[in-house]
Amino acid sequence: MSYNGWTNKETWLVNLWLGDVLDADKEEGALITADHIESLVDQMMYRFEDESGFVRDMMNCALCEIDYAELASHYEEEE
């Protein structure tokens, strides 16, 4: 299922919330790769490590849906 032109809502949300950070990283010369984006998402999720099992499981399900390659491709195409 497509969501606002993205593969899914989870991928769209990463771009929505981290797009400005990724743009700034790119302006500073960082290579925006799938690994770079996943690392940023991991940093954001780190603060929820101590959440209940239910919340952690729900977040893990959502994280598995993110298409990091699609996100990285989006920033490569903007060059």
PDB file of N, CA and C in Angstrom:
ATOM      1  N   MET A   1       0.832  -1.173   0.000  1.00  0.00           N
ATOM      2  CA  MET A   1       0.000   0.000   0.000  1.00  0.00           C
ATOM      3  C   MET A   1       0.885   1.247   0.000  1.00  0.00           C
ATOM      4  N   SER A   2       0.574   2.179  -0.842  1.00  0.00           N
ATOM      5  CA  SER A   2       1.336   3.415  -0.947  1.00  0.00           C
ATOM      6  C   SER A   2       0.772   4.463   0.015  1.00  0.00           C
ATOM      7  N   TYR A   3       1.651   5.327   0.510  1.00  0.00           N
ATOM      8  CA  TYR A   3       1.224   6.369   1.434  1.00  0.00           C
ATOM      9  C   TYR A   3       1.913   7.682   1.052  1.00  0.00           C
ATOM     10  N   ASN A   4       1.140   8.627   0.556  1.00  0.00           N
ATOM     11  CA  ASN A   4       1.672   9.930   0.136  1.00  0.00           C
ATOM     12  C   ASN A   4       2.884   9.795  -0.788  1.00  0.00           C
ATOM     13  N   GLY A   5       2.843   8.828  -1.676  1.00  0.00           N
ATOM     14  CA  GLY A   5       3.929   8.620  -2.620  1.00  0.00           C
ATOM     15  C   GLY A   5       5.068   7.753  -2.107  1.00  0.00           C
ATOM     16  N   TRP A   6       5.002   7.336  -0.851  1.00  0.00           N
ATOM     17  CA  TRP A   6       6.024   6.478  -0.259  1.00  0.00           C
ATOM     18  C   TRP A   6       5.498   5.052  -0.174  1.00  0.00           C
ATOM     19  N   THR A   7       6.403   4.098   0.017  1.00  0.00           N
ATOM     20  CA  THR A   7       6.039   2.688   0.100  1.00  0.00           C
ATOM     21  C   THR A   7       4.966   2.437   1.152  1.00  0.00           C
ATOM     22  N   ASN A   8       5.106   3.081   2.304  1.00  0.00           N
ATOM     23  CA  ASN A   8       4.155   2.876   3.399  1.00  0.00           C
ATOM     24  C   ASN A   8       4.221   4.054   4.369  1.00  0.00           C
ATOM     25  N   LYS A   9       3.350   4.043   5.336  1.00  0.00           N
ATOM     26  CA  LYS A   9       3.279   5.143   6.296  1.00  0.00           C
ATOM     27  C   LYS A   9       4.544   5.253   7.135  1.00  0.00           C
ATOM     28  N   GLU A  10       5.132   4.130   7.503  1.00  0.00           N
ATOM     29  CA  GLU A  10       6.332   4.141   8.342  1.00  0.00           C
ATOM     30  C   GLU A  10       7.490   4.855   7.627  1.00  0.00           C
ATOM     31  N   THR A  11       7.666   4.567   6.349  1.00  0.00           N
ATOM     32  CA  THR A  11       8.731   5.202   5.566  1.00  0.00           C
ATOM     33  C   THR A  11       8.457   6.697   5.425  1.00  0.00           C
ATOM     34  N   TRP A  12       7.203   7.044   5.142  1.00  0.00           N
ATOM     35  CA  TRP A  12       6.801   8.443   5.038  1.00  0.00           C
ATOM     36  C   TRP A  12       7.074   9.189   6.347  1.00  0.00           C
ATOM     37  N   LEU A  13       6.764   8.552   7.492  1.00  0.00           N
ATOM     38  CA  LEU A  13       6.970   9.194   8.784  1.00  0.00           C
ATOM     39  C   LEU A  13       8.445   9.484   9.056  1.00  0.00           C
ATOM     40  N   VAL A  14       9.319   8.576   8.662  1.00  0.00           N
ATOM     41  CA  VAL A  14      10.755   8.827   8.851  1.00  0.00           C
ATOM     42  C   VAL A  14      11.146  10.073   8.064  1.00  0.00           C
ATOM     43  N   ASN A  15      10.697  10.168   6.823  1.00  0.00           N
ATOM     44  CA  ASN A  15      11.036  11.343   6.026  1.00  0.00           C
ATOM     45  C   ASN A  15      10.398  12.600   6.610  1.00  0.00           C
ATOM     46  N   LEU A  16       9.185  12.490   7.098  1.00  0.00           N
ATOM     47  CA  LEU A  16       8.495  13.637   7.681  1.00  0.00           C
ATOM     48  C   LEU A  16       9.250  14.177   8.899  1.00  0.00           C
ATOM     49  N   TRP A  17       9.630  13.287   9.803  1.00  0.00           N
ATOM     50  CA  TRP A  17      10.257  13.693  11.058  1.00  0.00           C
ATOM     51  C   TRP A  17      11.751  13.945  10.945  1.00  0.00           C
ATOM     52  N   LEU A  18      12.431  13.245  10.059  1.00  0.00           N
ATOM     53  CA  LEU A  18      13.889  13.369   9.973  1.00  0.00           C
ATOM     54  C   LEU A  18      14.372  14.041   8.690  1.00  0.00           C
ATOM     55  N   GLY A  19      13.456  14.432   7.837  1.00  0.00           N
ATOM     56  CA  GLY A  19      13.837  15.043   6.556  1.00  0.00           C
ATOM     57  C   GLY A  19      14.733  16.261   6.711  1.00  0.00           C
ATOM     58  N   ASP A  20      14.417  17.142   7.670  1.00  0.00           N
ATOM     59  CA  ASP A  20      15.248  18.332   7.883  1.00  0.00           C
ATOM     60  C   ASP A  20      16.651  17.953   8.348  1.00  0.00           C
ATOM     61  N   VAL A  21      16.734  16.952   9.199  1.00  0.00           N
ATOM     62  CA  VAL A  21      18.037  16.479   9.672  1.00  0.00           C
ATOM     63  C   VAL A  21      18.825  15.893   8.511  1.00  0.00           C
ATOM     64  N   LEU A  22      18.167  15.115   7.684  1.00  0.00           N
ATOM     65  CA  LEU A  22      18.843  14.507   6.543  1.00  0.00           C
ATOM     66  C   LEU A  22      19.290  15.567   5.534  1.00  0.00           C
ATOM     67  N   ASP A  23      18.451  16.573   5.312  1.00  0.00           N
ATOM     68  CA  ASP A  23      18.847  17.676   4.418  1.00  0.00           C
ATOM     69  C   ASP A  23      20.079  18.401   4.973  1.00  0.00           C
ATOM     70  N   ALA A  24      20.095  18.662   6.277  1.00  0.00           N
ATOM     71  CA  ALA A  24      21.237  19.339   6.899  1.00  0.00           C
ATOM     72  C   ALA A  24      22.494  18.473   6.804  1.00  0.00           C
ATOM     73  N   ASP A  25      22.348  17.185   7.049  1.00  0.00           N
ATOM     74  CA  ASP A  25      23.488  16.268   6.929  1.00  0.00           C
ATOM     75  C   ASP A  25      24.037  16.293   5.510  1.00  0.00           C
ATOM     76  N   LYS A  26      23.140  16.290   4.540  1.00  0.00           N
ATOM     77  CA  LYS A  26      23.548  16.296   3.133  1.00  0.00           C
ATOM     78  C   LYS A  26      24.277  17.590   2.794  1.00  0.00           C
ATOM     79  N   GLU A  27      23.779  18.720   3.284  1.00  0.00           N
ATOM     80  CA  GLU A  27      24.432  20.010   3.044  1.00  0.00           C
ATOM     81  C   GLU A  27      25.824  20.054   3.652  1.00  0.00           C
ATOM     82  N   GLU A  28      26.017  19.316   4.746  1.00  0.00           N
ATOM     83  CA  GLU A  28      27.325  19.262   5.401  1.00  0.00           C
ATOM     84  C   GLU A  28      28.253  18.246   4.744  1.00  0.00           C
ATOM     85  N   GLY A  29      27.781  17.614   3.692  1.00  0.00           N
ATOM     86  CA  GLY A  29      28.625  16.695   2.942  1.00  0.00           C
ATOM     87  C   GLY A  29      28.455  15.233   3.281  1.00  0.00           C
ATOM     88  N   ALA A  30      27.523  14.908   4.162  1.00  0.00           N
ATOM     89  CA  ALA A  30      27.302  13.498   4.520  1.00  0.00           C
ATOM     90  C   ALA A  30      26.656  12.764   3.350  1.00  0.00           C
ATOM     91  N   LEU A  31      27.036  11.532   3.190  1.00  0.00           N
ATOM     92  CA  LEU A  31      26.422  10.664   2.201  1.00  0.00           C
ATOM     93  C   LEU A  31      25.187  10.052   2.845  1.00  0.00           C
ATOM     94  N   ILE A  32      24.025  10.329   2.285  1.00  0.00           N
ATOM     95  CA  ILE A  32      22.777   9.852   2.870  1.00  0.00           C
ATOM     96  C   ILE A  32      22.491   8.452   2.328  1.00  0.00           C
ATOM     97  N   THR A  33      22.890   7.470   3.100  1.00  0.00           N
ATOM     98  CA  THR A  33      22.692   6.076   2.728  1.00  0.00           C
ATOM     99  C   THR A  33      21.597   5.466   3.598  1.00  0.00           C
ATOM    100  N   ALA A  34      21.182   4.281   3.237  1.00  0.00           N
ATOM    101  CA  ALA A  34      20.201   3.555   4.048  1.00  0.00           C
ATOM    102  C   ALA A  34      20.748   3.344   5.459  1.00  0.00           C
ATOM    103  N   ASP A  35      22.027   3.031   5.582  1.00  0.00           N
ATOM    104  CA  ASP A  35      22.637   2.825   6.904  1.00  0.00           C
ATOM    105  C   ASP A  35      22.639   4.107   7.729  1.00  0.00           C
ATOM    106  N   HIS A  36      22.903   5.232   7.082  1.00  0.00           N
ATOM    107  CA  HIS A  36      22.901   6.527   7.775  1.00  0.00           C
ATOM    108  C   HIS A  36      21.511   6.821   8.334  1.00  0.00           C
ATOM    109  N   ILE A  37      20.502   6.609   7.518  1.00  0.00           N
ATOM    110  CA  ILE A  37      19.126   6.877   7.946  1.00  0.00           C
ATOM    111  C   ILE A  37      18.719   5.923   9.059  1.00  0.00           C
ATOM    112  N   GLU A  38      19.051   4.655   8.908  1.00  0.00           N
ATOM    113  CA  GLU A  38      18.710   3.677   9.942  1.00  0.00           C
ATOM    114  C   GLU A  38      19.393   4.026  11.266  1.00  0.00           C
ATOM    115  N   SER A  39      20.609   4.522  11.205  1.00  0.00           N
ATOM    116  CA  SER A  39      21.314   4.931  12.415  1.00  0.00           C
ATOM    117  C   SER A  39      20.585   6.083  13.111  1.00  0.00           C
ATOM    118  N   LEU A  40      20.095   7.038  12.337  1.00  0.00           N
ATOM    119  CA  LEU A  40      19.334   8.145  12.922  1.00  0.00           C
ATOM    120  C   LEU A  40      18.056   7.643  13.589  1.00  0.00           C
ATOM    121  N   VAL A  41      17.376   6.727  12.931  1.00  0.00           N
ATOM    122  CA  VAL A  41      16.147   6.165  13.494  1.00  0.00           C
ATOM    123  C   VAL A  41      16.479   5.412  14.785  1.00  0.00           C
ATOM    124  N   ASP A  42      17.543   4.647  14.772  1.00  0.00           N
ATOM    125  CA  ASP A  42      17.959   3.915  15.974  1.00  0.00           C
ATOM    126  C   ASP A  42      18.239   4.872  17.131  1.00  0.00           C
ATOM    127  N   GLN A  43      18.875   6.004  16.835  1.00  0.00           N
ATOM    128  CA  GLN A  43      19.148   6.996  17.875  1.00  0.00           C
ATOM    129  C   GLN A  43      17.841   7.534  18.458  1.00  0.00           C
ATOM    130  N   MET A  44      16.871   7.772  17.609  1.00  0.00           N
ATOM    131  CA  MET A  44      15.573   8.271  18.072  1.00  0.00           C
ATOM    132  C   MET A  44      14.874   7.221  18.935  1.00  0.00           C
ATOM    133  N   MET A  45      14.979   5.974  18.566  1.00  0.00           N
ATOM    134  CA  MET A  45      14.282   4.903  19.273  1.00  0.00           C
ATOM    135  C   MET A  45      14.972   4.513  20.578  1.00  0.00           C
ATOM    136  N   TYR A  46      16.242   4.868  20.723  1.00  0.00           N
ATOM    137  CA  TYR A  46      17.013   4.498  21.908  1.00  0.00           C
ATOM    138  C   TYR A  46      16.319   4.948  23.190  1.00  0.00           C
ATOM    139  N   ARG A  47      15.683   6.108  23.152  1.00  0.00           N
ATOM    140  CA  ARG A  47      15.049   6.635  24.370  1.00  0.00           C
ATOM    141  C   ARG A  47      13.845   5.807  24.812  1.00  0.00           C
ATOM    142  N   PHE A  48      13.356   4.923  23.955  1.00  0.00           N
ATOM    143  CA  PHE A  48      12.197   4.107  24.299  1.00  0.00           C
ATOM    144  C   PHE A  48      12.575   2.690  24.719  1.00  0.00           C
ATOM    145  N   GLU A  49      13.850   2.452  24.925  1.00  0.00           N
ATOM    146  CA  GLU A  49      14.322   1.113  25.286  1.00  0.00           C
ATOM    147  C   GLU A  49      13.652   0.546  26.527  1.00  0.00           C
ATOM    148  N   ASP A  50      13.345   1.399  27.472  1.00  0.00           N
ATOM    149  CA  ASP A  50      12.804   0.928  28.740  1.00  0.00           C
ATOM    150  C   ASP A  50      11.277   0.862  28.763  1.00  0.00           C
ATOM    151  N   GLU A  51      10.650   1.063  27.633  1.00  0.00           N
ATOM    152  CA  GLU A  51       9.186   1.013  27.575  1.00  0.00           C
ATOM    153  C   GLU A  51       8.699  -0.422  27.804  1.00  0.00           C
ATOM    154  N   SER A  52       7.406  -0.548  28.050  1.00  0.00           N
ATOM    155  CA  SER A  52       6.815  -1.862  28.295  1.00  0.00           C
ATOM    156  C   SER A  52       6.998  -2.770  27.085  1.00  0.00           C
ATOM    157  N   GLY A  53       6.841  -4.039  27.306  1.00  0.00           N
ATOM    158  CA  GLY A  53       6.972  -5.014  26.229  1.00  0.00           C
ATOM    159  C   GLY A  53       6.026  -4.737  25.071  1.00  0.00           C
ATOM    160  N   PHE A  54       4.806  -4.317  25.380  1.00  0.00           N
ATOM    161  CA  PHE A  54       3.829  -4.029  24.333  1.00  0.00           C
ATOM    162  C   PHE A  54       4.292  -2.869  23.456  1.00  0.00           C
ATOM    163  N   VAL A  55       4.704  -1.771  24.085  1.00  0.00           N
ATOM    164  CA  VAL A  55       5.145  -0.597  23.327  1.00  0.00           C
ATOM    165  C   VAL A  55       6.378  -0.936  22.505  1.00  0.00           C
ATOM    166  N   ARG A  56       7.317  -1.628  23.100  1.00  0.00           N
ATOM    167  CA  ARG A  56       8.535  -2.018  22.387  1.00  0.00           C
ATOM    168  C   ARG A  56       8.214  -2.926  21.202  1.00  0.00           C
ATOM    169  N   ASP A  57       7.319  -3.887  21.397  1.00  0.00           N
ATOM    170  CA  ASP A  57       6.930  -4.778  20.308  1.00  0.00           C
ATOM    171  C   ASP A  57       6.248  -4.017  19.172  1.00  0.00           C
ATOM    172  N   MET A  58       5.383  -3.074  19.525  1.00  0.00           N
ATOM    173  CA  MET A  58       4.695  -2.280  18.502  1.00  0.00           C
ATOM    174  C   MET A  58       5.701  -1.436  17.708  1.00  0.00           C
ATOM    175  N   MET A  59       6.662  -0.851  18.408  1.00  0.00           N
ATOM    176  CA  MET A  59       7.681  -0.048  17.716  1.00  0.00           C
ATOM    177  C   MET A  59       8.537  -0.932  16.809  1.00  0.00           C
ATOM    178  N   ASN A  60       8.902  -2.102  17.282  1.00  0.00           N
ATOM    179  CA  ASN A  60       9.710  -3.006  16.465  1.00  0.00           C
ATOM    180  C   ASN A  60       8.977  -3.420  15.199  1.00  0.00           C
ATOM    181  N   CYS A  61       7.673  -3.629  15.307  1.00  0.00           N
ATOM    182  CA  CYS A  61       6.876  -3.966  14.119  1.00  0.00           C
ATOM    183  C   CYS A  61       6.919  -2.823  13.112  1.00  0.00           C
ATOM    184  N   ALA A  62       6.762  -1.608  13.601  1.00  0.00           N
ATOM    185  CA  ALA A  62       6.778  -0.442  12.712  1.00  0.00           C
ATOM    186  C   ALA A  62       8.164  -0.251  12.100  1.00  0.00           C
ATOM    187  N   LEU A  63       9.208  -0.438  12.904  1.00  0.00           N
ATOM    188  CA  LEU A  63      10.567  -0.254  12.407  1.00  0.00           C
ATOM    189  C   LEU A  63      10.897  -1.227  11.284  1.00  0.00           C
ATOM    190  N   CYS A  64      10.337  -2.417  11.351  1.00  0.00           N
ATOM    191  CA  CYS A  64      10.593  -3.429  10.325  1.00  0.00           C
ATOM    192  C   CYS A  64       9.978  -3.057   8.976  1.00  0.00           C
ATOM    193  N   GLU A  65       9.049  -2.136   8.979  1.00  0.00           N
ATOM    194  CA  GLU A  65       8.366  -1.742   7.751  1.00  0.00           C
ATOM    195  C   GLU A  65       9.063  -0.603   7.008  1.00  0.00           C
ATOM    196  N   ILE A  66      10.007   0.061   7.640  1.00  0.00           N
ATOM    197  CA  ILE A  66      10.664   1.218   7.021  1.00  0.00           C
ATOM    198  C   ILE A  66      11.534   0.762   5.858  1.00  0.00           C
ATOM    199  N   ASP A  67      11.359   1.418   4.721  1.00  0.00           N
ATOM    200  CA  ASP A  67      12.150   1.119   3.529  1.00  0.00           C
ATOM    201  C   ASP A  67      13.304   2.119   3.467  1.00  0.00           C
ATOM    202  N   TYR A  68      14.410   1.768   4.109  1.00  0.00           N
ATOM    203  CA  TYR A  68      15.557   2.667   4.186  1.00  0.00           C
ATOM    204  C   TYR A  68      16.179   2.901   2.813  1.00  0.00           C
ATOM    205  N   ALA A  69      16.154   1.915   1.954  1.00  0.00           N
ATOM    206  CA  ALA A  69      16.706   2.077   0.604  1.00  0.00           C
ATOM    207  C   ALA A  69      15.896   3.108  -0.183  1.00  0.00           C
ATOM    208  N   GLU A  70      14.581   3.089  -0.030  1.00  0.00           N
ATOM    209  CA  GLU A  70      13.750   4.080  -0.718  1.00  0.00           C
ATOM    210  C   GLU A  70      14.070   5.488  -0.224  1.00  0.00           C
ATOM    211  N   LEU A  71      14.232   5.637   1.087  1.00  0.00           N
ATOM    212  CA  LEU A  71      14.569   6.938   1.652  1.00  0.00           C
ATOM    213  C   LEU A  71      15.916   7.432   1.121  1.00  0.00           C
ATOM    214  N   ALA A  72      16.910   6.571   1.133  1.00  0.00           N
ATOM    215  CA  ALA A  72      18.237   6.951   0.636  1.00  0.00           C
ATOM    216  C   ALA A  72      18.173   7.334  -0.837  1.00  0.00           C
ATOM    217  N   SER A  73      17.412   6.592  -1.611  1.00  0.00           N
ATOM    218  CA  SER A  73      17.243   6.883  -3.030  1.00  0.00           C
ATOM    219  C   SER A  73      16.619   8.255  -3.224  1.00  0.00           C
ATOM    220  N   HIS A  74      15.694   8.626  -2.392  1.00  0.00           N
ATOM    221  CA  HIS A  74      15.044   9.940  -2.469  1.00  0.00           C
ATOM    222  C   HIS A  74      16.081  11.052  -2.330  1.00  0.00           C
ATOM    223  N   TYR A  75      17.012  10.892  -1.425  1.00  0.00           N
ATOM    224  CA  TYR A  75      18.027  11.932  -1.220  1.00  0.00           C
ATOM    225  C   TYR A  75      19.114  11.897  -2.292  1.00  0.00           C
ATOM    226  N   GLU A  76      19.367  10.763  -2.901  1.00  0.00           N
ATOM    227  CA  GLU A  76      20.302  10.683  -4.020  1.00  0.00           C
ATOM    228  C   GLU A  76      19.720  11.395  -5.235  1.00  0.00           C
ATOM    229  N   GLU A  77      18.409  11.240  -5.471  1.00  0.00           N
ATOM    230  CA  GLU A  77      17.765  11.839  -6.639  1.00  0.00           C
ATOM    231  C   GLU A  77      17.713  13.352  -6.557  1.00  0.00           C
ATOM    232  N   GLU A  78      17.757  13.917  -5.354  1.00  0.00           N
ATOM    233  CA  GLU A  78      17.659  15.358  -5.186  1.00  0.00           C
ATOM    234  C   GLU A  78      18.951  16.093  -5.577  1.00  0.00           C
ATOM    235  N   GLU A  79      20.032  15.365  -5.744  1.00  0.00           N
ATOM    236  CA  GLU A  79      21.324  16.006  -6.057  1.00  0.00           C
ATOM    237  C   GLU A  79      21.314  16.693  -7.389  1.00  0.00           C
TER     238      GLU A  79
END
